[in-house]
Protein backbone atom coordinates (compact mmCIF):
# COMPACT_ATOMS: atom_id res chain seq x y z
CA UNK A 1 5.47 -20.43 -27.19
CA UNK A 2 5.64 -21.21 -23.47
CA UNK A 3 2.40 -22.19 -21.74
CA UNK A 4 1.67 -21.36 -18.11
CA UNK A 5 -1.35 -21.79 -15.90
CA UNK A 6 -1.17 -18.44 -14.06
CA UNK A 7 0.89 -15.31 -14.63
CA UNK A 8 1.14 -12.40 -12.22
CA UNK A 9 2.56 -9.11 -13.46
CA UNK A 10 4.47 -7.30 -10.74
CA UNK A 11 6.64 -8.49 -7.85
CA UNK A 12 5.62 -5.90 -5.31
CA UNK A 13 4.11 -6.97 -2.02
CA UNK A 14 0.62 -7.44 -3.49
CA UNK A 15 1.82 -9.34 -6.57
CA UNK A 16 3.97 -11.61 -4.39
CA UNK A 17 1.09 -12.25 -1.98
CA UNK A 18 -1.26 -13.12 -4.85
CA UNK A 19 1.31 -15.36 -6.54
CA UNK A 20 2.06 -17.13 -3.25
CA UNK A 21 -1.64 -17.80 -2.64
CA UNK A 22 -2.06 -19.17 -6.15
CA UNK A 23 1.02 -21.40 -5.89
CA UNK A 24 -0.01 -22.71 -2.48
CA UNK A 25 -3.40 -23.63 -3.93
CA UNK A 26 -1.63 -25.90 -6.40
CA UNK A 27 -1.43 -23.63 -9.42
CA UNK A 28 1.60 -23.23 -11.69
CA UNK A 29 2.61 -19.58 -11.34
CA UNK A 30 5.16 -17.26 -12.89
CA UNK A 31 5.63 -13.65 -11.80
CA UNK A 32 6.78 -11.28 -14.53
CA UNK A 33 8.74 -8.36 -13.07
CA UNK A 34 10.27 -5.54 -15.09
CA UNK A 35 12.87 -4.67 -12.45
CA UNK A 36 15.77 -6.81 -11.31
CA UNK A 37 14.52 -7.24 -7.74
CA UNK A 38 11.32 -7.51 -5.75
CA UNK A 39 9.40 -4.47 -4.54
CA UNK A 40 11.45 -1.67 -6.06
CA UNK A 41 8.64 0.90 -6.39
CA UNK A 42 5.54 1.51 -4.26
CA UNK A 43 6.17 -1.45 -1.95
CA UNK A 44 9.55 -0.13 -0.78
CA UNK A 45 8.77 3.60 -0.74
CA UNK A 46 6.06 3.99 1.89
CA UNK A 47 5.64 4.39 5.64
CA UNK A 48 5.80 0.60 6.36
CA UNK A 49 2.77 0.97 8.60
CA UNK A 50 0.44 -1.88 9.52
CA UNK A 51 -2.85 0.00 9.39
CA UNK A 52 -5.74 -0.79 11.72
CA UNK A 53 -8.57 -0.12 9.22
CA UNK A 54 -9.93 3.12 10.66
CA UNK A 55 -10.53 5.59 7.86
CA UNK A 56 -12.21 3.67 5.05
CA UNK A 57 -15.93 3.44 4.24
CA UNK A 58 -17.55 0.44 5.90
CA UNK A 59 -17.89 -2.48 3.50
CA UNK A 60 -15.34 -1.08 1.03
CA UNK A 61 -12.50 -3.19 -0.29
CA UNK A 62 -10.09 -1.00 1.65
CA UNK A 63 -11.92 -1.45 4.94
CA UNK A 64 -12.53 -5.18 4.85
CA UNK A 65 -9.19 -6.17 3.28
CA UNK A 66 -7.23 -3.91 5.62
CA UNK A 67 -8.90 -5.23 8.77
CA UNK A 68 -8.59 -8.87 7.70
CA UNK A 69 -5.14 -8.33 6.25
CA UNK A 70 -3.91 -6.71 9.47
CA UNK A 71 -4.67 -9.85 11.47
CA UNK A 72 -3.14 -12.06 8.79
CA UNK A 73 -0.04 -9.87 8.62
CA UNK A 74 0.62 -9.88 12.36
CA UNK A 75 0.22 -13.67 12.42
CA UNK A 76 2.48 -14.07 9.37
CA UNK A 77 5.19 -11.84 10.83
CA UNK A 78 5.07 -13.70 14.13
CA UNK A 79 5.25 -17.16 12.56
CA UNK A 80 7.96 -16.23 10.04
CA UNK A 81 10.22 -14.14 12.25
CA UNK A 82 9.66 -10.92 10.28
CA UNK A 83 10.64 -7.80 12.17
CA UNK A 84 7.61 -5.79 13.24
CA UNK A 85 6.32 -3.83 16.21
CA UNK A 86 2.79 -3.15 17.40
CA UNK A 87 3.63 0.39 18.50
CA UNK A 88 0.19 1.97 18.47
CA UNK A 89 -0.87 5.24 16.93
CA UNK A 90 -2.25 8.53 18.22
CA UNK A 91 -4.69 10.38 15.95
CA UNK A 92 -4.75 13.93 17.23
CA UNK A 93 -7.09 16.90 17.07
CA UNK A 94 -5.36 20.24 17.46
CA UNK A 95 -8.50 22.33 18.01
CA UNK A 96 -11.97 21.69 19.37
CA UNK A 97 -13.51 22.12 15.93
CA UNK A 98 -11.95 18.75 15.01
CA UNK A 99 -13.50 16.83 17.91
CA UNK A 100 -16.66 15.84 16.05
CA UNK A 101 -14.54 14.48 13.18
CA UNK A 102 -12.39 12.60 15.68
CA UNK A 103 -15.50 11.06 17.22
CA UNK A 104 -16.73 10.15 13.73
CA UNK A 105 -13.43 8.34 13.09
CA UNK A 106 -13.92 6.30 16.26
CA UNK A 107 -17.42 5.33 15.12
CA UNK A 108 -16.14 4.54 11.62
CA UNK A 109 -13.45 2.28 13.04
CA UNK A 110 -15.97 0.39 15.18
CA UNK A 111 -18.23 -0.10 12.16
CA UNK A 112 -15.23 -1.50 10.26
CA UNK A 113 -14.49 -4.07 12.96
CA UNK A 114 -11.85 -2.05 14.80
CA UNK A 115 -13.40 -1.60 18.28
CA UNK A 116 -10.17 -0.97 20.21
CA UNK A 117 -9.76 2.81 19.77
CA UNK A 118 -9.77 4.79 23.02
CA UNK A 119 -10.52 8.48 23.49
CA UNK A 120 -7.81 10.47 25.26
CA UNK A 121 -7.95 13.93 26.76
CA UNK A 122 -4.87 16.16 26.33
CA UNK A 123 -3.32 15.08 29.65
CA UNK A 124 -3.72 11.39 28.83
CA UNK A 125 -2.20 11.89 25.38
CA UNK A 126 0.72 13.86 26.83
CA UNK A 127 1.33 11.11 29.37
CA UNK A 128 2.04 8.91 26.36
CA UNK A 129 3.89 11.57 24.34
CA UNK A 130 5.05 14.50 26.52
CA UNK A 131 5.97 16.80 23.61
CA UNK A 132 2.64 16.32 21.85
CA UNK A 133 0.13 19.15 21.61
CA UNK A 134 -3.50 18.19 21.12
CA UNK A 135 -6.97 19.03 22.37
CA UNK A 136 -8.06 15.36 22.14
CA UNK A 137 -6.75 12.16 20.62
CA UNK A 138 -7.64 8.62 19.69
CA UNK A 139 -5.24 5.79 20.51
CA UNK A 140 -5.13 2.83 18.11
CA UNK A 141 -3.26 -0.03 19.81
CA UNK A 142 -3.39 -2.34 16.77
CA UNK A 143 -1.45 -0.01 14.44
CA UNK A 144 2.16 -1.06 13.93
CA UNK A 145 5.18 -1.10 11.64
CA UNK A 146 6.81 -3.86 9.61
CA UNK A 147 10.01 -4.56 7.73
CA UNK A 148 8.45 -4.48 4.27
CA UNK A 149 11.51 -5.98 2.55
CA UNK A 150 11.64 -8.83 5.05
CA UNK A 151 7.95 -9.44 4.40
CA UNK A 152 8.46 -9.56 0.64
CA UNK A 153 11.43 -11.91 0.99
CA UNK A 154 9.27 -14.28 3.03
CA UNK A 155 6.49 -14.14 0.44
CA UNK A 156 9.00 -14.81 -2.33
CA UNK A 157 10.41 -17.76 -0.40
CA UNK A 158 7.00 -19.35 0.11
CA UNK A 159 6.05 -18.72 -3.52
CA UNK A 160 9.18 -20.52 -4.69
CA UNK A 161 8.78 -23.31 -2.11
CA UNK A 162 5.32 -23.94 -3.59
CA UNK A 163 6.78 -24.25 -7.09
CA UNK A 164 6.26 -20.71 -8.37
CA UNK A 165 8.97 -18.61 -9.93
CA UNK A 166 9.83 -14.98 -10.68
CA UNK A 167 11.22 -13.82 -14.01
CA UNK A 168 13.14 -10.64 -13.24
CA UNK A 169 14.10 -7.99 -15.83
CA UNK A 170 11.12 -9.21 -17.87
CA UNK A 171 8.91 -6.26 -18.77
CA UNK A 172 5.57 -7.02 -20.40
CA UNK A 173 5.49 -5.01 -23.63
CA UNK A 174 2.36 -6.28 -25.37
CA UNK A 175 -0.42 -8.78 -25.03
CA UNK A 176 -3.42 -10.29 -26.75
CA UNK A 177 -6.65 -11.78 -25.49
CA UNK A 178 -7.42 -15.04 -27.33
CA UNK A 179 -9.95 -17.83 -27.01
CA UNK A 180 -7.22 -20.00 -25.48
CA UNK A 181 -5.92 -17.56 -22.89
CA UNK A 182 -3.88 -14.37 -22.83
CA UNK A 183 -0.62 -14.12 -24.77
CA UNK A 184 2.01 -11.87 -23.22
CA UNK A 185 5.07 -10.61 -25.05
CA UNK A 186 8.00 -9.60 -22.87
CA UNK A 187 11.19 -7.66 -23.48
CA UNK A 188 14.49 -7.61 -21.67
CA UNK A 189 17.60 -9.60 -22.53
CA UNK A 190 15.59 -12.76 -23.14
CA UNK A 191 12.32 -11.76 -24.87
CA UNK A 192 9.63 -14.39 -24.90
CA UNK A 193 5.99 -15.08 -25.55
CA UNK A 194 3.95 -16.86 -22.94
CA UNK A 195 0.33 -17.94 -23.06
CA UNK A 196 -1.33 -17.94 -19.66
CA UNK A 197 -4.72 -19.38 -18.81
CA UNK A 198 -5.17 -16.83 -16.03
CA UNK A 199 -3.59 -13.44 -15.46
CA UNK A 200 -3.40 -11.10 -12.47
CA UNK A 201 -2.24 -7.59 -13.30
CA UNK A 202 -0.58 -6.36 -10.08
CA UNK A 203 1.76 -3.91 -11.76
CA UNK A 204 1.08 -1.01 -9.40
CA UNK A 205 2.00 2.27 -11.06
CA UNK A 206 1.92 0.53 -14.45
CA UNK A 207 -1.25 -1.54 -14.02
CA UNK A 208 -3.54 0.76 -16.04
CA UNK A 209 -1.08 1.21 -18.92
CA UNK A 210 -0.39 -2.54 -19.03
CA UNK A 211 -4.10 -3.35 -19.25
CA UNK A 212 -4.25 -0.88 -22.13
CA UNK A 213 -1.55 -2.87 -23.96
CA UNK A 214 -3.74 -5.98 -24.10
CA UNK A 215 -5.24 -6.30 -27.56
CA UNK A 216 -8.85 -7.31 -27.06
CA UNK A 217 -9.22 -5.64 -23.67
CA UNK A 218 -12.08 -3.10 -23.75
CA UNK A 219 -10.55 0.36 -23.47
CA UNK A 220 -13.67 1.76 -21.85
CA UNK A 221 -12.88 -0.48 -18.86
CA UNK A 222 -9.65 1.41 -18.19
CA UNK A 223 -10.03 3.70 -15.16
CA UNK A 224 -8.57 7.21 -14.97
CA UNK A 225 -5.03 7.25 -13.65
CA UNK A 226 -2.97 9.83 -11.79
CA UNK A 227 0.22 9.78 -9.74
CA UNK A 228 1.02 11.47 -6.46
CA UNK A 229 4.48 11.79 -4.98
CA UNK A 230 4.86 11.51 -1.24
CA UNK A 231 7.99 13.13 0.18
CA UNK A 232 9.53 11.94 3.43
CA UNK A 233 11.92 13.76 5.75
CA UNK A 234 13.90 12.37 8.68
CA UNK A 235 14.77 13.99 12.02
CA UNK A 236 18.32 15.04 12.78
CA UNK A 237 18.78 13.70 16.27
CA UNK A 238 16.94 11.49 18.72
CA UNK A 239 13.17 11.20 18.55
CA UNK A 240 11.07 12.12 21.59
CA UNK A 241 8.23 9.94 20.26
CA UNK A 242 7.58 6.26 20.90
CA UNK A 243 4.25 5.98 19.05
CA UNK A 244 3.08 6.89 15.57
CA UNK A 245 1.36 10.29 15.50
CA UNK A 246 -1.20 11.21 12.85
CA UNK A 247 -3.01 14.55 12.57
CA UNK A 248 -6.58 14.65 11.32
CA UNK A 249 -6.87 13.67 7.63
CA UNK A 250 -7.21 16.40 5.04
CA UNK A 251 -7.17 16.90 1.28
CA UNK A 252 -7.77 13.28 0.31
CA UNK A 253 -4.90 11.90 2.37
CA UNK A 254 -3.77 11.17 5.90
CA UNK A 255 -1.74 14.39 6.23
CA UNK A 256 1.93 14.60 7.24
CA UNK A 257 2.42 12.20 10.12
CA UNK A 258 5.19 10.82 12.31
CA UNK A 259 6.15 7.20 11.84
CA UNK A 260 9.07 5.30 13.28
CA UNK A 261 11.31 2.70 11.73
CA UNK A 262 12.20 -0.49 13.58
CA UNK A 263 15.23 1.22 15.12
CA UNK A 264 13.02 3.98 16.55
CA UNK A 265 14.12 6.65 14.09
CA UNK A 266 11.30 9.04 13.10
CA UNK A 267 10.13 9.76 9.56
CA UNK A 268 7.73 12.51 8.57
CA UNK A 269 5.40 12.22 5.61
CA UNK A 270 4.09 11.64 3.13
CA UNK A 271 2.67 14.81 1.71
CA UNK A 272 0.55 14.79 -1.44
CA UNK A 273 2.20 16.20 -4.57
CA UNK A 274 0.51 15.50 -7.90
CA UNK A 275 3.06 14.59 -10.59
CA UNK A 276 2.94 13.51 -14.24
CA UNK A 277 6.00 11.26 -14.29
CA UNK A 278 7.91 8.97 -11.95
CA UNK A 279 10.63 10.90 -10.12
CA UNK A 280 11.81 9.78 -6.70
CA UNK A 281 13.72 12.97 -5.91
CA UNK A 282 12.63 14.50 -2.59
CA UNK A 283 11.17 17.92 -3.32
CA UNK A 284 12.98 20.29 -0.97
CA UNK A 285 10.51 23.05 -1.81
CA UNK A 286 7.98 21.17 0.35
CA UNK A 287 10.10 21.58 3.50
CA UNK A 288 8.32 24.67 4.85
CA UNK A 289 4.98 22.86 4.52
CA UNK A 290 6.41 20.00 6.60
CA UNK A 291 7.56 22.31 9.40
CA UNK A 292 4.22 24.12 9.46
CA UNK A 293 2.20 20.91 9.49
CA UNK A 294 4.28 19.07 12.10
CA UNK A 295 4.40 22.05 14.46
CA UNK A 296 0.63 22.00 14.76
CA UNK A 297 0.99 18.90 16.96
CA UNK A 298 4.70 19.06 17.86
CA UNK A 299 5.36 22.75 18.53
CA UNK A 300 8.89 22.10 19.80
CA UNK A 301 10.15 20.77 16.46
CA UNK A 302 13.53 22.55 16.20
CA UNK A 303 14.53 24.67 13.24
CA UNK A 304 16.81 22.99 10.69
CA UNK A 305 16.05 19.56 12.16
CA UNK A 306 14.61 17.85 9.06
CA UNK A 307 16.64 16.20 6.30
CA UNK A 308 15.39 14.64 3.04
CA UNK A 309 14.87 10.89 3.38
CA UNK A 310 13.12 9.41 0.33
CA UNK A 311 10.03 9.77 -1.85
CA UNK A 312 7.41 7.37 -3.13
CA UNK A 313 4.85 7.51 -5.92
CA UNK A 314 1.28 6.34 -5.30
CA UNK A 315 -1.10 5.13 -8.04
CA UNK A 316 -4.28 7.19 -7.88
CA UNK A 317 -7.62 6.63 -9.57
CA UNK A 318 -8.69 10.21 -8.78
CA UNK A 319 -7.24 13.62 -9.44
CA UNK A 320 -6.87 16.75 -7.30
CA UNK A 321 -10.05 17.72 -5.51
CA UNK A 322 -11.87 14.49 -6.42
CA UNK A 323 -13.18 11.94 -3.89
CA UNK A 324 -10.80 9.12 -3.07
CA UNK A 325 -12.10 5.88 -4.64
CA UNK A 326 -11.86 2.35 -3.35
CA UNK A 327 -9.35 -0.28 -4.45
CA UNK A 328 -10.51 -1.40 -7.89
CA UNK A 329 -10.31 -5.19 -8.11
CA UNK A 330 -11.56 -5.58 -11.65
CA UNK A 331 -12.53 -9.05 -12.85
CA UNK A 332 -14.42 -10.55 -15.81
CA UNK A 333 -17.70 -9.29 -14.36
CA UNK A 334 -16.52 -5.73 -15.01
CA UNK A 335 -14.46 -6.01 -18.22
CA UNK A 336 -15.64 -9.23 -19.88
CA UNK A 337 -12.24 -10.91 -20.36
CA UNK A 338 -12.20 -14.41 -18.85
CA UNK A 339 -9.62 -15.26 -16.18
CA UNK A 340 -8.16 -11.74 -15.97
CA UNK A 341 -8.06 -9.71 -12.76
CA UNK A 342 -6.69 -6.17 -12.75
CA UNK A 343 -5.63 -4.57 -9.49
CA UNK A 344 -5.97 -0.83 -9.99
CA UNK A 345 -5.24 1.95 -7.52
CA UNK A 346 -3.69 -0.30 -4.89
CA UNK A 347 -2.04 2.24 -2.63
CA UNK A 348 -2.38 2.57 1.15
CA UNK A 349 -3.46 0.33 2.85
CA UNK A 350 -2.17 -2.06 0.19
CA UNK A 351 0.78 -3.30 2.26
CA UNK A 352 -1.50 -4.19 5.17
CA UNK A 353 -4.09 -5.73 2.83
CA UNK A 354 -1.71 -7.79 0.68
CA UNK A 355 -2.22 -11.20 2.29
CA UNK A 356 -5.98 -10.74 2.35
CA UNK A 357 -5.98 -9.74 -1.33
CA UNK A 358 -4.03 -12.90 -2.18
CA UNK A 359 -6.40 -15.07 -0.15
CA UNK A 360 -9.44 -13.56 -1.85
CA UNK A 361 -8.16 -13.63 -5.42
CA UNK A 362 -6.82 -17.18 -5.60
CA UNK A 363 -10.26 -18.89 -5.64
CA UNK A 364 -11.60 -16.40 -8.20
CA UNK A 365 -9.41 -17.78 -10.98
CA UNK A 366 -10.96 -21.04 -12.25
CA UNK A 367 -8.74 -24.04 -12.60
CA UNK A 368 -8.05 -25.49 -16.06
């Protein structure tokens, strides 16, 4: 049986950031990834937004890791030549009844350590985006976009430079908690058993089910798990927008918003569609909802101007109509298994928070 100091399950952006931090701290690290490449699921099927840290409850994991991670991410992109743009974002109210909620968002952002939001009246907002309709808006100058694949490649490179490695096409199929560490059994073309002294479960959509496979892990420590598909549509033609545009949040999500890729092409989404299996097909039945939602703040959206782009699946620890919980970073204090950290429900702003999560987790795993 192979012996390893640290194993990380999952080579998405969070798993790579955690593994990199562990390797750079001098630990021996292997990343076990079921797919044949990095970041094939949640990490590559999102809006690629660098979030400012506006919406989340003050003191929550989401708030503090997003705000800290944002600064780390901008610095990392700058120093590593990763394509990114600090475009800024408009959060818009489309009726006066939303103004109190917009003001509350500004206060929430300030409490989270994001003091740079400015209040705009309709004329000021339309000076920035002439085709925008709103009754008021907030401008977030520290919101941006990033090449998520370029980011993950850089994290992989630094992980490997520090002596870590990734085992692709190596799904974890079973495991056992022992007095001498955690034994993992993997499948694929070259099945193996590996005993790790420390384990980080960063498997994203599969994190809860993988924790359930560990013999000796208390099943009452498993959180509820749901999945939500987010559909994205692209614009046929040139975009009139140069900033990200977000309507007021609703229904446990950020609502259908306008983001831009690094070439300036607009994307609309995601919506929130509860699903019971992983299916990345864009649901064309949602198209009317997209038109209706977008036209609340962009009334001139032409008919027949949206085309299906892609879809992503988000890991959720709550179901329809339930409050949105925090990131669940579950360590021995919660489940009782030494040297095991589970990362549950890491969705947005997980991309922005990834470097901060890695920085925080590395010291929590004791050295042998």
